[in-house]
């Protein structure tokens, strides 16, 4: 397995999007070919080193992940396989999180379906939450999971309504906690070599955040900006929008479960 780092570092992508070339001396797969960038495409092909590309797999269709699939397919003749297409208006905080409207998969993988090559098998693990079409890919030969943006060691994942769903995200974390993957390779940041401990921590963090929101409402913070101002002291200004989307995602999930309600444009405890 070879990691190829795109040059799209930002407060949201960390050091950049990581593409992975999976396989040995035979045909390989490329996971998350990244943004449209000729330098990154050339770097991926350099890592492929003349081998056949059997499949191009995308975890989801944010623009820092899937747009490179089309030019890579044109250069290699490989099929684009993985997550479903998804296009919608996104009210989220960052331009690079807009959906890739040109993504056209040749084959969509359902949960548990696989694509295989010489010495490798990549099994789709449906992990909605960050986006509704998010997939992780398990490599049973090594015990690795390519976790996309669902779990990252460097940061919590943005869950931004309307497509991002906190309830789905929590359920997907629970799903990963029940697995026995040895290591995660996220699309941003370092490998995670104790994934179950990290997932437990992420579940705990989200539950603590929910409790903070409930207490903020009780103290008189009834809109999202007021809640964020009290909970994210010292936050980098560029990340303010992401924090507001995350709090909104929690509130929507809490409303579904009968903990809070929206009334006249403000949030109240039930």
Protein backbone atom coordinates (compact mmCIF):
# COMPACT_ATOMS: atom_id res chain seq x y z
CA UNK A 1 0.00 0.00 0.00
CA UNK A 2 1.29 3.45 -0.96
CA UNK A 3 -0.01 6.79 0.31
CA UNK A 4 -0.05 9.78 -2.06
CA UNK A 5 -0.69 13.19 -0.48
CA UNK A 6 -2.52 15.89 -2.45
CA UNK A 7 -1.36 19.49 -2.15
CA UNK A 8 -4.66 20.81 -0.79
CA UNK A 9 -3.79 21.47 2.84
CA UNK A 10 -6.29 23.64 4.74
CA UNK A 11 -7.84 23.96 8.22
CA UNK A 12 -10.38 21.36 7.05
CA UNK A 13 -8.14 18.94 5.13
CA UNK A 14 -5.14 19.04 7.53
CA UNK A 15 -2.02 18.30 5.44
CA UNK A 16 -4.17 17.37 2.42
CA UNK A 17 -6.24 14.53 1.01
CA UNK A 18 -4.50 11.15 1.05
CA UNK A 19 -4.99 8.81 -1.88
CA UNK A 20 -4.03 5.17 -1.41
CA UNK A 21 -2.71 2.71 -3.98
CA UNK A 22 -3.53 -0.81 -2.80
CA UNK A 23 -1.95 -3.94 -4.25
CA UNK A 24 1.29 -5.73 -4.97
CA UNK A 25 2.94 -6.57 -8.24
CA UNK A 26 -0.37 -7.20 -10.02
CA UNK A 27 -3.34 -4.96 -10.65
CA UNK A 28 -4.01 -2.30 -8.02
CA UNK A 29 -6.86 -0.19 -6.67
CA UNK A 30 -6.75 3.56 -6.00
CA UNK A 31 -8.82 4.85 -3.08
CA UNK A 32 -9.94 8.52 -3.00
CA UNK A 33 -8.10 9.99 -6.00
CA UNK A 34 -8.64 13.47 -4.55
CA UNK A 35 -9.22 16.81 -6.26
CA UNK A 36 -8.58 17.59 -9.91
CA UNK A 37 -4.88 18.41 -9.85
CA UNK A 38 -2.46 17.37 -12.58
CA UNK A 39 0.43 17.16 -10.12
CA UNK A 40 -1.54 14.82 -7.86
CA UNK A 41 -2.69 12.71 -10.80
CA UNK A 42 0.91 12.36 -11.95
CA UNK A 43 1.96 11.40 -8.40
CA UNK A 44 -0.73 8.70 -8.23
CA UNK A 45 0.38 7.30 -11.59
CA UNK A 46 3.95 7.39 -10.36
CA UNK A 47 2.93 5.26 -7.39
CA UNK A 48 1.03 2.90 -9.69
CA UNK A 49 4.33 2.45 -11.54
CA UNK A 50 2.95 0.94 -14.69
CA UNK A 51 0.69 -1.63 -13.04
CA UNK A 52 -2.90 -2.07 -14.18
CA UNK A 53 -5.43 -0.03 -12.20
CA UNK A 54 -8.31 -2.43 -11.65
CA UNK A 55 -10.59 -0.03 -9.76
CA UNK A 56 -10.86 3.56 -8.58
CA UNK A 57 -12.77 3.69 -5.30
CA UNK A 58 -14.29 6.77 -3.67
CA UNK A 59 -15.38 6.95 -0.03
CA UNK A 60 -17.71 9.91 -0.70
CA UNK A 61 -18.21 12.77 -3.13
CA UNK A 62 -16.90 15.87 -1.41
CA UNK A 63 -14.73 17.76 -3.84
CA UNK A 64 -11.48 16.99 -2.06
CA UNK A 65 -12.06 13.24 -2.58
CA UNK A 66 -13.75 12.17 -5.82
CA UNK A 67 -13.17 14.64 -8.70
CA UNK A 68 -9.81 13.07 -9.53
CA UNK A 69 -11.60 9.82 -10.37
CA UNK A 70 -12.67 10.91 -13.85
CA UNK A 71 -9.24 12.00 -15.17
CA UNK A 72 -7.61 8.98 -13.54
CA UNK A 73 -10.14 6.70 -15.25
CA UNK A 74 -9.44 8.42 -18.56
CA UNK A 75 -5.71 7.84 -18.14
CA UNK A 76 -5.96 4.21 -17.00
CA UNK A 77 -9.24 2.81 -18.32
CA UNK A 78 -10.19 1.72 -14.79
CA UNK A 79 -13.77 1.53 -13.55
CA UNK A 80 -14.97 4.00 -10.92
CA UNK A 81 -16.44 1.97 -8.06
CA UNK A 82 -17.67 2.74 -4.57
CA UNK A 83 -20.06 5.29 -3.15
CA UNK A 84 -23.24 6.42 -4.87
CA UNK A 85 -23.50 9.77 -6.61
CA UNK A 86 -24.97 12.58 -4.54
CA UNK A 87 -25.71 16.14 -5.57
CA UNK A 88 -27.51 18.71 -3.46
CA UNK A 89 -27.24 22.26 -2.21
CA UNK A 90 -24.85 22.26 0.74
CA UNK A 91 -25.17 25.00 3.35
CA UNK A 92 -21.92 23.88 4.95
CA UNK A 93 -19.02 26.12 5.88
CA UNK A 94 -16.34 25.28 3.33
CA UNK A 95 -16.01 25.43 -0.43
CA UNK A 96 -13.98 22.22 -0.65
CA UNK A 97 -16.85 20.34 1.00
CA UNK A 98 -19.26 21.02 -1.83
CA UNK A 99 -20.38 17.88 -3.60
CA UNK A 100 -18.78 16.65 -6.80
CA UNK A 101 -21.64 17.00 -9.27
CA UNK A 102 -19.66 15.30 -12.07
CA UNK A 103 -19.06 12.03 -10.20
CA UNK A 104 -20.43 9.10 -12.23
CA UNK A 105 -19.62 5.66 -10.78
CA UNK A 106 -19.55 2.62 -13.04
CA UNK A 107 -20.57 0.48 -10.07
CA UNK A 108 -21.98 1.37 -6.66
CA UNK A 109 -21.04 -0.88 -3.75
CA UNK A 110 -23.64 -1.71 -1.12
CA UNK A 111 -22.63 -2.50 2.45
CA UNK A 112 -20.63 -5.75 2.45
CA UNK A 113 -20.03 -5.85 -1.30
CA UNK A 114 -16.45 -6.14 -2.49
CA UNK A 115 -14.05 -5.59 -5.33
CA UNK A 116 -10.95 -7.78 -5.55
CA UNK A 117 -7.62 -7.97 -7.33
CA UNK A 118 -4.33 -9.83 -7.16
CA UNK A 119 -3.87 -10.48 -3.42
CA UNK A 120 -6.33 -7.85 -2.18
CA UNK A 121 -10.02 -7.52 -1.44
CA UNK A 122 -11.75 -4.24 -0.59
CA UNK A 123 -15.07 -4.63 1.20
CA UNK A 124 -17.49 -1.71 1.44
CA UNK A 125 -18.52 -0.70 4.96
CA UNK A 126 -21.45 1.73 4.84
CA UNK A 127 -20.68 4.58 7.26
CA UNK A 128 -23.19 7.40 6.68
CA UNK A 129 -23.11 10.50 8.83
CA UNK A 130 -20.41 12.81 7.47
CA UNK A 131 -22.29 12.36 4.20
CA UNK A 132 -25.22 10.07 3.46
CA UNK A 133 -23.21 8.20 0.79
CA UNK A 134 -20.02 7.64 2.82
CA UNK A 135 -18.29 4.26 2.57
CA UNK A 136 -15.20 2.96 4.31
CA UNK A 137 -13.24 0.10 2.72
CA UNK A 138 -11.93 -2.86 4.69
CA UNK A 139 -8.87 -4.79 3.53
CA UNK A 140 -9.29 -8.18 5.24
CA UNK A 141 -5.89 -9.42 4.08
CA UNK A 142 -4.19 -6.95 6.43
CA UNK A 143 -6.92 -5.97 8.91
CA UNK A 144 -6.85 -2.38 7.65
CA UNK A 145 -9.81 -0.05 7.16
CA UNK A 146 -9.63 2.94 4.84
CA UNK A 147 -11.90 5.19 6.88
CA UNK A 148 -12.24 8.21 4.58
CA UNK A 149 -13.54 11.18 6.55
CA UNK A 150 -15.62 9.09 8.96
CA UNK A 151 -12.82 8.62 11.51
CA UNK A 152 -9.64 10.71 11.48
CA UNK A 153 -6.93 10.79 14.10
CA UNK A 154 -6.14 14.50 13.76
CA UNK A 155 -9.64 15.96 14.18
CA UNK A 156 -13.29 15.22 14.76
CA UNK A 157 -15.40 14.83 11.64
CA UNK A 158 -17.69 17.60 10.42
CA UNK A 159 -21.35 16.57 10.35
CA UNK A 160 -23.15 19.27 8.41
CA UNK A 161 -26.90 19.18 7.74
CA UNK A 162 -28.86 18.78 5.57
CA UNK A 163 -26.94 15.79 4.20
CA UNK A 164 -24.77 15.20 7.25
CA UNK A 165 -26.70 13.41 9.98
CA UNK A 166 -25.56 13.10 13.59
CA UNK A 167 -27.79 10.12 14.36
CA UNK A 168 -26.40 8.24 11.38
CA UNK A 169 -22.87 9.27 12.34
CA UNK A 170 -23.22 7.91 15.88
CA UNK A 171 -24.72 4.67 14.58
CA UNK A 172 -21.83 4.31 12.14
CA UNK A 173 -19.32 4.80 14.97
CA UNK A 174 -21.11 2.08 16.94
CA UNK A 175 -20.86 -0.14 13.87
CA UNK A 176 -17.09 0.36 13.65
CA UNK A 177 -16.74 -0.26 17.38
CA UNK A 178 -18.17 -3.73 16.79
CA UNK A 179 -15.54 -4.54 14.19
CA UNK A 180 -12.01 -5.81 14.80
CA UNK A 181 -9.99 -3.76 12.33
CA UNK A 182 -6.31 -3.55 13.24
CA UNK A 183 -5.53 -0.12 11.81
CA UNK A 184 -7.33 2.79 10.13
CA UNK A 185 -5.97 4.75 7.20
CA UNK A 186 -8.02 7.97 7.09
CA UNK A 187 -8.15 10.32 4.12
CA UNK A 188 -6.60 13.08 6.25
CA UNK A 189 -3.96 12.69 8.94
CA UNK A 190 -1.87 9.87 10.32
CA UNK A 191 -2.81 6.20 10.52
CA UNK A 192 -4.77 5.18 13.62
CA UNK A 193 -3.15 2.13 15.22
CA UNK A 194 -5.64 1.71 18.10
CA UNK A 195 -8.90 2.34 16.26
CA UNK A 196 -11.38 0.96 18.79
CA UNK A 197 -9.99 3.20 21.53
CA UNK A 198 -10.29 6.22 19.24
CA UNK A 199 -13.86 5.33 18.25
CA UNK A 200 -14.86 4.94 21.90
CA UNK A 201 -13.35 8.36 22.56
CA UNK A 202 -15.24 9.89 19.65
CA UNK A 203 -18.54 8.46 20.87
CA UNK A 204 -17.84 9.85 24.33
CA UNK A 205 -16.90 13.24 22.90
CA UNK A 206 -20.14 13.50 20.93
CA UNK A 207 -22.21 12.51 23.98
CA UNK A 208 -20.40 15.13 26.06
CA UNK A 209 -21.12 17.73 23.38
CA UNK A 210 -24.80 16.83 23.49
CA UNK A 211 -24.78 17.35 27.25
CA UNK A 212 -23.09 20.74 26.78
CA UNK A 213 -25.79 21.79 24.35
CA UNK A 214 -28.56 20.79 26.75
CA UNK A 215 -26.92 22.75 29.57
CA UNK A 216 -26.35 25.77 27.32
CA UNK A 217 -30.06 25.89 26.54
CA UNK A 218 -30.89 25.68 30.24
CA UNK A 219 -28.55 28.64 30.86
CA UNK A 220 -30.34 30.75 28.24
CA UNK A 221 -28.42 30.14 24.99
CA UNK A 222 -31.27 29.43 22.60
CA UNK A 223 -29.67 29.84 19.17
CA UNK A 224 -26.69 28.15 17.57
CA UNK A 225 -24.27 31.12 17.57
CA UNK A 226 -24.83 31.68 21.29
CA UNK A 227 -24.24 28.01 22.04
CA UNK A 228 -21.04 27.94 19.98
CA UNK A 229 -19.73 31.10 21.65
CA UNK A 230 -20.06 29.46 25.05
CA UNK A 231 -18.77 26.02 24.12
CA UNK A 232 -15.90 26.72 21.69
CA UNK A 233 -13.87 29.35 23.51
CA UNK A 234 -10.70 30.26 21.60
CA UNK A 235 -11.79 28.51 18.40
CA UNK A 236 -9.95 29.55 15.23
CA UNK A 237 -12.29 31.93 13.31
CA UNK A 238 -12.01 29.81 10.16
CA UNK A 239 -13.54 26.87 12.05
CA UNK A 240 -16.51 28.79 13.45
CA UNK A 241 -18.82 27.74 10.62
CA UNK A 242 -17.92 24.09 11.09
CA UNK A 243 -18.68 24.31 14.82
CA UNK A 244 -22.06 25.86 14.12
CA UNK A 245 -22.95 23.10 11.64
CA UNK A 246 -21.92 20.45 14.18
CA UNK A 247 -24.07 21.98 16.92
CA UNK A 248 -27.00 22.20 14.51
CA UNK A 249 -26.55 18.51 13.63
CA UNK A 250 -26.68 17.64 17.33
CA UNK A 251 -29.81 19.75 17.83
CA UNK A 252 -31.61 18.08 14.92
CA UNK A 253 -30.76 14.65 16.33
CA UNK A 254 -31.81 15.70 19.84
CA UNK A 255 -35.10 17.02 18.47
CA UNK A 256 -35.82 13.67 16.82
CA UNK A 257 -35.26 11.96 20.17
CA UNK A 258 -37.54 14.34 22.06
CA UNK A 259 -34.82 16.13 24.07
CA UNK A 260 -35.21 19.61 22.56
CA UNK A 261 -37.66 21.41 20.32
CA UNK A 262 -37.43 24.34 17.95
CA UNK A 263 -39.85 27.12 18.70
CA UNK A 264 -40.02 30.48 16.92
CA UNK A 265 -36.49 30.16 15.57
CA UNK A 266 -34.99 29.28 18.95
CA UNK A 267 -34.20 26.00 20.68
CA UNK A 268 -35.85 24.95 23.95
CA UNK A 269 -35.63 21.94 26.25
CA UNK A 270 -38.59 19.57 26.19
